[in-house]
N, C-alpha and C. Protein backbone atom coordinates (compact mmCIF):
# COMPACT_ATOMS: atom_id res chain seq x y z
N UNK A 1 -37.15 -162.97 23.96
CA UNK A 1 -35.95 -162.22 24.28
C UNK A 1 -35.40 -162.77 25.61
N UNK A 2 -34.13 -163.15 25.59
CA UNK A 2 -33.52 -163.67 26.82
C UNK A 2 -33.12 -162.52 27.75
N UNK A 3 -32.78 -162.81 29.01
CA UNK A 3 -32.47 -161.72 29.96
C UNK A 3 -31.32 -160.81 29.51
N UNK A 4 -30.30 -161.36 28.88
CA UNK A 4 -29.18 -160.53 28.42
C UNK A 4 -29.63 -159.57 27.32
N UNK A 5 -30.44 -160.08 26.39
CA UNK A 5 -30.96 -159.21 25.33
C UNK A 5 -31.87 -158.14 25.91
N UNK A 6 -32.69 -158.53 26.87
CA UNK A 6 -33.59 -157.57 27.51
C UNK A 6 -32.79 -156.47 28.21
N UNK A 7 -31.75 -156.85 28.92
CA UNK A 7 -30.91 -155.86 29.61
C UNK A 7 -30.24 -154.93 28.62
N UNK A 8 -29.72 -155.48 27.52
CA UNK A 8 -29.07 -154.65 26.52
C UNK A 8 -30.06 -153.70 25.88
N UNK A 9 -31.23 -154.20 25.53
CA UNK A 9 -32.24 -153.37 24.87
C UNK A 9 -32.71 -152.22 25.74
N UNK A 10 -32.75 -152.43 27.05
CA UNK A 10 -33.31 -151.40 27.93
C UNK A 10 -32.27 -150.51 28.62
N UNK A 11 -31.01 -150.83 28.50
CA UNK A 11 -29.98 -150.04 29.19
C UNK A 11 -29.75 -148.70 28.49
N UNK A 12 -29.71 -147.65 29.28
CA UNK A 12 -29.34 -146.34 28.73
C UNK A 12 -27.82 -146.31 28.56
N UNK A 13 -27.37 -145.80 27.44
CA UNK A 13 -25.94 -145.60 27.23
C UNK A 13 -25.61 -144.19 27.70
N UNK A 14 -24.76 -144.10 28.69
CA UNK A 14 -24.35 -142.80 29.22
C UNK A 14 -22.90 -142.57 28.85
N UNK A 15 -22.64 -141.39 28.31
CA UNK A 15 -21.28 -141.01 27.93
C UNK A 15 -20.98 -139.64 28.52
N UNK A 16 -19.72 -139.33 28.60
CA UNK A 16 -19.32 -137.98 29.02
C UNK A 16 -18.37 -137.44 27.97
N UNK A 17 -17.85 -136.26 28.21
CA UNK A 17 -16.96 -135.63 27.23
C UNK A 17 -15.49 -135.82 27.57
N UNK A 18 -15.19 -136.61 28.58
CA UNK A 18 -13.81 -136.74 29.05
C UNK A 18 -13.05 -137.80 28.26
N UNK A 19 -11.77 -137.56 28.13
CA UNK A 19 -10.83 -138.59 27.68
C UNK A 19 -10.27 -139.23 28.93
N UNK A 20 -10.01 -140.54 28.85
CA UNK A 20 -9.48 -141.30 29.98
C UNK A 20 -8.13 -141.91 29.62
N UNK A 21 -7.31 -142.06 30.64
CA UNK A 21 -5.99 -142.66 30.50
C UNK A 21 -5.94 -143.92 31.33
N UNK A 22 -5.37 -144.97 30.77
CA UNK A 22 -5.14 -146.23 31.46
C UNK A 22 -3.69 -146.22 31.91
N UNK A 23 -3.46 -146.40 33.19
CA UNK A 23 -2.11 -146.29 33.76
C UNK A 23 -1.70 -147.62 34.37
N UNK A 24 -0.54 -148.09 33.99
CA UNK A 24 0.04 -149.31 34.55
C UNK A 24 1.12 -148.90 35.54
N UNK A 25 1.08 -149.50 36.74
CA UNK A 25 2.08 -149.24 37.77
C UNK A 25 2.56 -150.57 38.33
N UNK A 26 3.76 -150.59 38.89
CA UNK A 26 4.22 -151.82 39.55
C UNK A 26 3.37 -152.10 40.79
N UNK A 27 3.28 -153.36 41.16
CA UNK A 27 2.44 -153.78 42.29
C UNK A 27 2.69 -153.00 43.58
N UNK A 28 3.94 -152.67 43.93
CA UNK A 28 4.14 -151.93 45.18
C UNK A 28 3.58 -150.51 45.18
N UNK A 29 3.09 -150.03 44.05
CA UNK A 29 2.56 -148.67 43.97
C UNK A 29 1.12 -148.56 44.43
N UNK A 30 0.58 -149.61 45.01
CA UNK A 30 -0.84 -149.60 45.39
C UNK A 30 -1.19 -148.46 46.35
N UNK A 31 -0.36 -148.19 47.33
CA UNK A 31 -0.68 -147.14 48.30
C UNK A 31 -0.71 -145.77 47.64
N UNK A 32 0.26 -145.50 46.79
CA UNK A 32 0.28 -144.21 46.08
C UNK A 32 -0.92 -144.09 45.15
N UNK A 33 -1.26 -145.18 44.45
CA UNK A 33 -2.40 -145.15 43.53
C UNK A 33 -3.71 -144.92 44.29
N UNK A 34 -3.87 -145.60 45.40
CA UNK A 34 -5.08 -145.42 46.21
C UNK A 34 -5.16 -144.00 46.76
N UNK A 35 -4.02 -143.43 47.11
CA UNK A 35 -4.00 -142.04 47.58
C UNK A 35 -4.46 -141.08 46.51
N UNK A 36 -4.07 -141.31 45.27
CA UNK A 36 -4.52 -140.47 44.16
C UNK A 36 -6.03 -140.56 44.03
N UNK A 37 -6.57 -141.77 44.05
CA UNK A 37 -8.02 -141.92 43.92
C UNK A 37 -8.76 -141.23 45.06
N UNK A 38 -8.20 -141.28 46.25
CA UNK A 38 -8.85 -140.65 47.40
C UNK A 38 -8.95 -139.14 47.23
N UNK A 39 -8.06 -138.56 46.46
CA UNK A 39 -8.07 -137.11 46.26
C UNK A 39 -8.91 -136.65 45.09
N UNK A 40 -9.24 -137.53 44.18
CA UNK A 40 -9.88 -137.12 42.92
C UNK A 40 -11.34 -136.73 43.11
N UNK A 41 -12.16 -137.63 43.58
CA UNK A 41 -13.57 -137.33 43.76
C UNK A 41 -14.35 -137.19 42.47
N UNK A 42 -13.87 -137.72 41.37
CA UNK A 42 -14.57 -137.67 40.10
C UNK A 42 -15.58 -138.81 40.03
N UNK A 43 -16.59 -138.67 39.19
CA UNK A 43 -17.59 -139.73 39.12
C UNK A 43 -17.10 -141.02 38.47
N UNK A 44 -16.04 -140.99 37.67
CA UNK A 44 -15.53 -142.26 37.16
C UNK A 44 -14.01 -142.29 37.27
N UNK A 45 -13.55 -143.30 37.97
CA UNK A 45 -12.14 -143.66 38.03
C UNK A 45 -12.12 -145.10 38.52
N UNK A 46 -11.02 -145.77 38.32
CA UNK A 46 -10.96 -147.18 38.72
C UNK A 46 -9.56 -147.52 39.19
N UNK A 47 -9.51 -148.47 40.10
CA UNK A 47 -8.26 -149.02 40.60
C UNK A 47 -8.41 -150.54 40.59
N UNK A 48 -7.52 -151.20 39.89
CA UNK A 48 -7.52 -152.66 39.82
C UNK A 48 -6.14 -153.12 40.26
N UNK A 49 -6.13 -154.05 41.20
CA UNK A 49 -4.87 -154.54 41.75
C UNK A 49 -4.84 -156.05 41.61
N UNK A 50 -3.75 -156.57 41.09
CA UNK A 50 -3.54 -158.01 41.11
C UNK A 50 -2.13 -158.27 41.58
N UNK A 51 -1.71 -159.50 41.56
CA UNK A 51 -0.40 -159.85 42.12
C UNK A 51 0.76 -159.25 41.34
N UNK A 52 0.54 -158.85 40.09
CA UNK A 52 1.63 -158.37 39.24
C UNK A 52 1.62 -156.88 38.94
N UNK A 53 0.47 -156.24 39.12
CA UNK A 53 0.39 -154.85 38.68
C UNK A 53 -0.74 -154.11 39.36
N UNK A 54 -0.65 -152.80 39.24
CA UNK A 54 -1.72 -151.90 39.63
C UNK A 54 -2.15 -151.17 38.37
N UNK A 55 -3.45 -151.10 38.14
CA UNK A 55 -3.97 -150.38 36.99
C UNK A 55 -4.91 -149.30 37.50
N UNK A 56 -4.71 -148.11 37.01
CA UNK A 56 -5.59 -146.97 37.31
C UNK A 56 -6.26 -146.52 36.03
N UNK A 57 -7.50 -146.10 36.14
CA UNK A 57 -8.17 -145.41 35.05
C UNK A 57 -8.56 -144.04 35.60
N UNK A 58 -8.02 -143.03 34.97
CA UNK A 58 -8.28 -141.64 35.39
C UNK A 58 -8.63 -140.81 34.17
N UNK A 59 -9.36 -139.72 34.38
CA UNK A 59 -9.54 -138.79 33.29
C UNK A 59 -8.16 -138.26 32.90
N UNK A 60 -8.01 -137.92 31.65
CA UNK A 60 -6.73 -137.39 31.18
C UNK A 60 -6.34 -136.14 31.96
N UNK A 61 -7.33 -135.34 32.32
CA UNK A 61 -7.06 -134.13 33.10
C UNK A 61 -6.50 -134.48 34.48
N UNK A 62 -7.12 -135.46 35.14
CA UNK A 62 -6.61 -135.88 36.45
C UNK A 62 -5.23 -136.48 36.33
N UNK A 63 -5.01 -137.27 35.29
CA UNK A 63 -3.70 -137.89 35.09
C UNK A 63 -2.62 -136.81 34.97
N UNK A 64 -2.90 -135.76 34.24
CA UNK A 64 -1.88 -134.71 34.09
C UNK A 64 -1.56 -134.06 35.44
N UNK A 65 -2.56 -134.02 36.34
CA UNK A 65 -2.33 -133.44 37.66
C UNK A 65 -1.52 -134.35 38.59
N UNK A 66 -1.63 -135.66 38.41
CA UNK A 66 -1.05 -136.60 39.38
C UNK A 66 0.11 -137.44 38.87
N UNK A 67 0.45 -137.36 37.60
CA UNK A 67 1.44 -138.29 37.07
C UNK A 67 2.81 -138.17 37.73
N UNK A 68 3.17 -137.00 38.19
CA UNK A 68 4.48 -136.85 38.84
C UNK A 68 4.56 -137.64 40.14
N UNK A 69 3.41 -137.92 40.76
CA UNK A 69 3.40 -138.69 42.02
C UNK A 69 3.47 -140.19 41.81
N UNK A 70 3.39 -140.62 40.55
CA UNK A 70 3.35 -142.06 40.26
C UNK A 70 4.46 -142.42 39.27
N UNK A 71 5.68 -142.55 39.77
CA UNK A 71 6.79 -142.89 38.87
C UNK A 71 6.68 -144.34 38.39
N UNK A 72 7.50 -144.66 37.42
CA UNK A 72 7.55 -146.02 36.86
C UNK A 72 6.21 -146.44 36.24
N UNK A 73 5.56 -145.51 35.57
CA UNK A 73 4.27 -145.81 34.96
C UNK A 73 4.40 -146.02 33.45
N UNK A 74 3.41 -146.69 32.92
CA UNK A 74 3.18 -146.76 31.48
C UNK A 74 1.74 -146.33 31.28
N UNK A 75 1.47 -145.69 30.17
CA UNK A 75 0.11 -145.22 29.91
C UNK A 75 -0.37 -145.65 28.54
N UNK A 76 -1.69 -145.71 28.41
CA UNK A 76 -2.35 -145.94 27.14
C UNK A 76 -3.57 -145.04 27.08
N UNK A 77 -3.92 -144.64 25.90
CA UNK A 77 -5.09 -143.79 25.72
C UNK A 77 -4.84 -142.78 24.65
N UNK A 78 -5.77 -141.93 24.40
CA UNK A 78 -6.98 -141.68 25.17
C UNK A 78 -8.09 -142.69 24.87
N UNK A 79 -8.90 -142.91 25.89
CA UNK A 79 -10.09 -143.73 25.79
C UNK A 79 -11.30 -142.87 26.10
N UNK A 80 -12.46 -143.33 25.66
CA UNK A 80 -13.72 -142.71 26.04
C UNK A 80 -14.55 -143.72 26.80
N UNK A 81 -15.41 -143.24 27.65
CA UNK A 81 -16.21 -144.06 28.53
C UNK A 81 -17.65 -144.19 28.03
N UNK A 82 -18.14 -145.42 28.06
CA UNK A 82 -19.56 -145.71 27.80
C UNK A 82 -20.06 -146.53 28.98
N UNK A 83 -21.11 -146.06 29.62
CA UNK A 83 -21.68 -146.76 30.77
C UNK A 83 -23.07 -147.26 30.42
N UNK A 84 -23.35 -148.51 30.77
CA UNK A 84 -24.70 -149.05 30.67
C UNK A 84 -25.38 -148.70 31.98
N UNK A 85 -26.19 -147.64 31.93
CA UNK A 85 -26.75 -147.08 33.15
C UNK A 85 -28.04 -147.78 33.54
N UNK A 86 -27.84 -148.97 34.07
CA UNK A 86 -28.96 -149.79 34.53
C UNK A 86 -28.38 -150.83 35.46
N UNK A 87 -29.01 -151.05 36.60
CA UNK A 87 -28.51 -152.12 37.46
C UNK A 87 -28.62 -153.47 36.74
N UNK A 88 -27.52 -154.20 36.73
CA UNK A 88 -27.47 -155.51 36.09
C UNK A 88 -27.31 -156.57 37.19
N UNK A 89 -28.09 -157.61 37.09
CA UNK A 89 -28.02 -158.68 38.08
C UNK A 89 -26.66 -159.36 38.02
N UNK A 90 -26.15 -159.73 39.17
CA UNK A 90 -24.84 -160.38 39.22
C UNK A 90 -24.85 -161.76 38.57
N UNK A 91 -26.02 -162.37 38.42
CA UNK A 91 -26.10 -163.68 37.77
C UNK A 91 -26.55 -163.59 36.31
N UNK A 92 -26.55 -162.39 35.75
CA UNK A 92 -26.91 -162.19 34.34
C UNK A 92 -25.85 -162.83 33.45
N UNK A 93 -26.27 -163.69 32.55
CA UNK A 93 -25.35 -164.42 31.68
C UNK A 93 -25.48 -163.89 30.25
N UNK A 94 -24.35 -163.55 29.64
CA UNK A 94 -24.33 -163.23 28.22
C UNK A 94 -24.37 -161.77 27.86
N UNK A 95 -24.54 -160.89 28.84
CA UNK A 95 -24.63 -159.46 28.53
C UNK A 95 -23.36 -158.96 27.86
N UNK A 96 -22.23 -159.18 28.50
CA UNK A 96 -20.97 -158.71 27.90
C UNK A 96 -20.64 -159.44 26.61
N UNK A 97 -21.12 -160.65 26.45
CA UNK A 97 -20.92 -161.37 25.19
C UNK A 97 -21.63 -160.63 24.05
N UNK A 98 -22.85 -160.18 24.30
CA UNK A 98 -23.58 -159.42 23.27
C UNK A 98 -22.86 -158.11 22.95
N UNK A 99 -22.42 -157.43 24.00
CA UNK A 99 -21.72 -156.15 23.82
C UNK A 99 -20.40 -156.36 23.07
N UNK A 100 -19.64 -157.34 23.50
CA UNK A 100 -18.35 -157.62 22.87
C UNK A 100 -18.51 -158.02 21.41
N UNK A 101 -19.53 -158.82 21.12
CA UNK A 101 -19.77 -159.24 19.73
C UNK A 101 -20.09 -158.04 18.86
N UNK A 102 -20.95 -157.15 19.34
CA UNK A 102 -21.31 -155.96 18.56
C UNK A 102 -20.08 -155.11 18.27
N UNK A 103 -19.24 -154.94 19.27
CA UNK A 103 -18.04 -154.11 19.07
C UNK A 103 -17.00 -154.83 18.22
N UNK A 104 -16.87 -156.13 18.38
CA UNK A 104 -15.94 -156.89 17.55
C UNK A 104 -16.36 -156.82 16.08
N UNK A 105 -17.66 -156.95 15.83
CA UNK A 105 -18.16 -156.87 14.45
C UNK A 105 -17.88 -155.50 13.85
N UNK A 106 -17.86 -154.47 14.69
CA UNK A 106 -17.56 -153.10 14.23
C UNK A 106 -16.06 -152.80 14.27
N UNK A 107 -15.26 -153.80 14.66
CA UNK A 107 -13.81 -153.68 14.75
C UNK A 107 -13.37 -152.59 15.73
N UNK A 108 -14.07 -152.56 16.86
CA UNK A 108 -13.75 -151.61 17.93
C UNK A 108 -13.13 -152.37 19.10
N UNK A 109 -11.97 -151.95 19.53
CA UNK A 109 -11.33 -152.53 20.71
C UNK A 109 -12.09 -152.07 21.95
N UNK A 110 -12.11 -152.91 22.98
CA UNK A 110 -12.87 -152.57 24.16
C UNK A 110 -12.18 -153.09 25.41
N UNK A 111 -12.25 -152.30 26.47
CA UNK A 111 -11.84 -152.71 27.81
C UNK A 111 -13.10 -152.62 28.66
N UNK A 112 -13.55 -153.73 29.19
CA UNK A 112 -14.77 -153.77 30.00
C UNK A 112 -14.40 -153.71 31.48
N UNK A 113 -15.13 -152.91 32.21
CA UNK A 113 -14.96 -152.81 33.66
C UNK A 113 -16.34 -152.97 34.27
N UNK A 114 -16.48 -153.99 35.08
CA UNK A 114 -17.77 -154.25 35.72
C UNK A 114 -17.74 -153.77 37.16
N UNK A 115 -18.72 -152.96 37.50
CA UNK A 115 -18.91 -152.55 38.88
C UNK A 115 -19.98 -153.47 39.48
N UNK A 116 -20.40 -153.20 40.68
CA UNK A 116 -21.37 -154.07 41.34
C UNK A 116 -22.66 -154.16 40.55
N UNK A 117 -23.17 -153.03 40.05
CA UNK A 117 -24.44 -153.03 39.34
C UNK A 117 -24.36 -152.58 37.89
N UNK A 118 -23.30 -151.94 37.50
CA UNK A 118 -23.23 -151.39 36.15
C UNK A 118 -21.95 -151.83 35.45
N UNK A 119 -22.06 -151.94 34.13
CA UNK A 119 -20.89 -152.24 33.32
C UNK A 119 -20.46 -150.98 32.59
N UNK A 120 -19.16 -150.83 32.48
CA UNK A 120 -18.56 -149.67 31.82
C UNK A 120 -17.62 -150.18 30.75
N UNK A 121 -17.52 -149.43 29.67
CA UNK A 121 -16.60 -149.76 28.59
C UNK A 121 -15.67 -148.59 28.36
N UNK A 122 -14.42 -148.90 28.14
CA UNK A 122 -13.47 -147.92 27.63
C UNK A 122 -13.15 -148.33 26.21
N UNK A 123 -13.33 -147.40 25.30
CA UNK A 123 -13.02 -147.64 23.89
C UNK A 123 -12.04 -146.58 23.43
N UNK A 124 -11.18 -146.90 22.46
CA UNK A 124 -10.27 -145.86 21.97
C UNK A 124 -11.05 -144.62 21.53
N UNK A 125 -10.57 -143.47 21.91
CA UNK A 125 -11.27 -142.23 21.58
C UNK A 125 -11.51 -142.11 20.08
N UNK A 126 -10.57 -142.60 19.29
CA UNK A 126 -10.72 -142.52 17.83
C UNK A 126 -11.84 -143.42 17.30
N UNK A 127 -12.32 -144.37 18.12
CA UNK A 127 -13.38 -145.28 17.70
C UNK A 127 -14.68 -145.07 18.48
N UNK A 128 -14.75 -143.97 19.21
CA UNK A 128 -15.89 -143.74 20.09
C UNK A 128 -17.22 -143.69 19.34
N UNK A 129 -17.32 -142.88 18.31
CA UNK A 129 -18.58 -142.75 17.57
C UNK A 129 -18.96 -144.09 16.94
N UNK A 130 -18.00 -144.79 16.41
CA UNK A 130 -18.21 -146.11 15.83
C UNK A 130 -18.76 -147.07 16.90
N UNK A 131 -18.22 -147.01 18.09
CA UNK A 131 -18.66 -147.87 19.18
C UNK A 131 -20.10 -147.56 19.59
N UNK A 132 -20.41 -146.30 19.76
CA UNK A 132 -21.77 -145.91 20.16
C UNK A 132 -22.78 -146.35 19.10
N UNK A 133 -22.45 -146.15 17.84
CA UNK A 133 -23.34 -146.58 16.76
C UNK A 133 -23.55 -148.09 16.81
N UNK A 134 -22.47 -148.85 16.96
CA UNK A 134 -22.57 -150.32 17.01
C UNK A 134 -23.41 -150.77 18.19
N UNK A 135 -23.25 -150.12 19.33
CA UNK A 135 -24.03 -150.51 20.52
C UNK A 135 -25.51 -150.16 20.36
N UNK A 136 -25.80 -149.02 19.79
CA UNK A 136 -27.20 -148.65 19.58
C UNK A 136 -27.86 -149.61 18.58
N UNK A 137 -27.12 -150.01 17.55
CA UNK A 137 -27.65 -151.00 16.60
C UNK A 137 -27.88 -152.34 17.30
N UNK A 138 -26.96 -152.73 18.18
CA UNK A 138 -27.13 -153.98 18.93
C UNK A 138 -28.34 -153.89 19.85
N UNK A 139 -28.56 -152.74 20.45
CA UNK A 139 -29.74 -152.56 21.30
C UNK A 139 -31.03 -152.70 20.48
N UNK A 140 -31.04 -152.13 19.29
CA UNK A 140 -32.22 -152.22 18.43
C UNK A 140 -32.48 -153.68 18.03
N UNK A 141 -31.41 -154.42 17.70
CA UNK A 141 -31.57 -155.83 17.36
C UNK A 141 -32.08 -156.63 18.56
N UNK A 142 -31.55 -156.34 19.73
CA UNK A 142 -31.96 -157.07 20.94
C UNK A 142 -33.42 -156.80 21.27
N UNK A 143 -33.92 -155.63 20.92
CA UNK A 143 -35.32 -155.27 21.22
C UNK A 143 -36.32 -155.91 20.28
N UNK A 144 -35.84 -156.42 19.15
CA UNK A 144 -36.76 -157.05 18.19
C UNK A 144 -37.23 -158.40 18.69
N UNK A 145 -38.52 -158.70 18.48
CA UNK A 145 -39.05 -159.98 18.94
C UNK A 145 -38.49 -161.16 18.15
């Protein structure tokens, strides 16, 4: 078993009951978006900034509370969150390839977000059960000698 298979086989899949919204904002909205995150205090949210856009991931409940403060937005969702609750080495090769392959084979769309030690997936809420089943099957295959 290679390190990526070992990590997949041993990672706990953690899910919650929340729906998440993906929010697109223009690049100059970074200060407003960061201000929203500073007020939330929820265990999962994300802010991604590049030269062209700002992307926020918020629970649908939080989004409903803050959307008026973030004009010129586009949204997608609902998504559900799946977290691989295990520290993953920064030099681990192939982990997301295994995960992506399992979900692609199950025809589940995925948005991957990597934190310093953990990887998180957002999958369409309508495909959540399908995604969890596919990942658990992939974990079982990875655990086989």
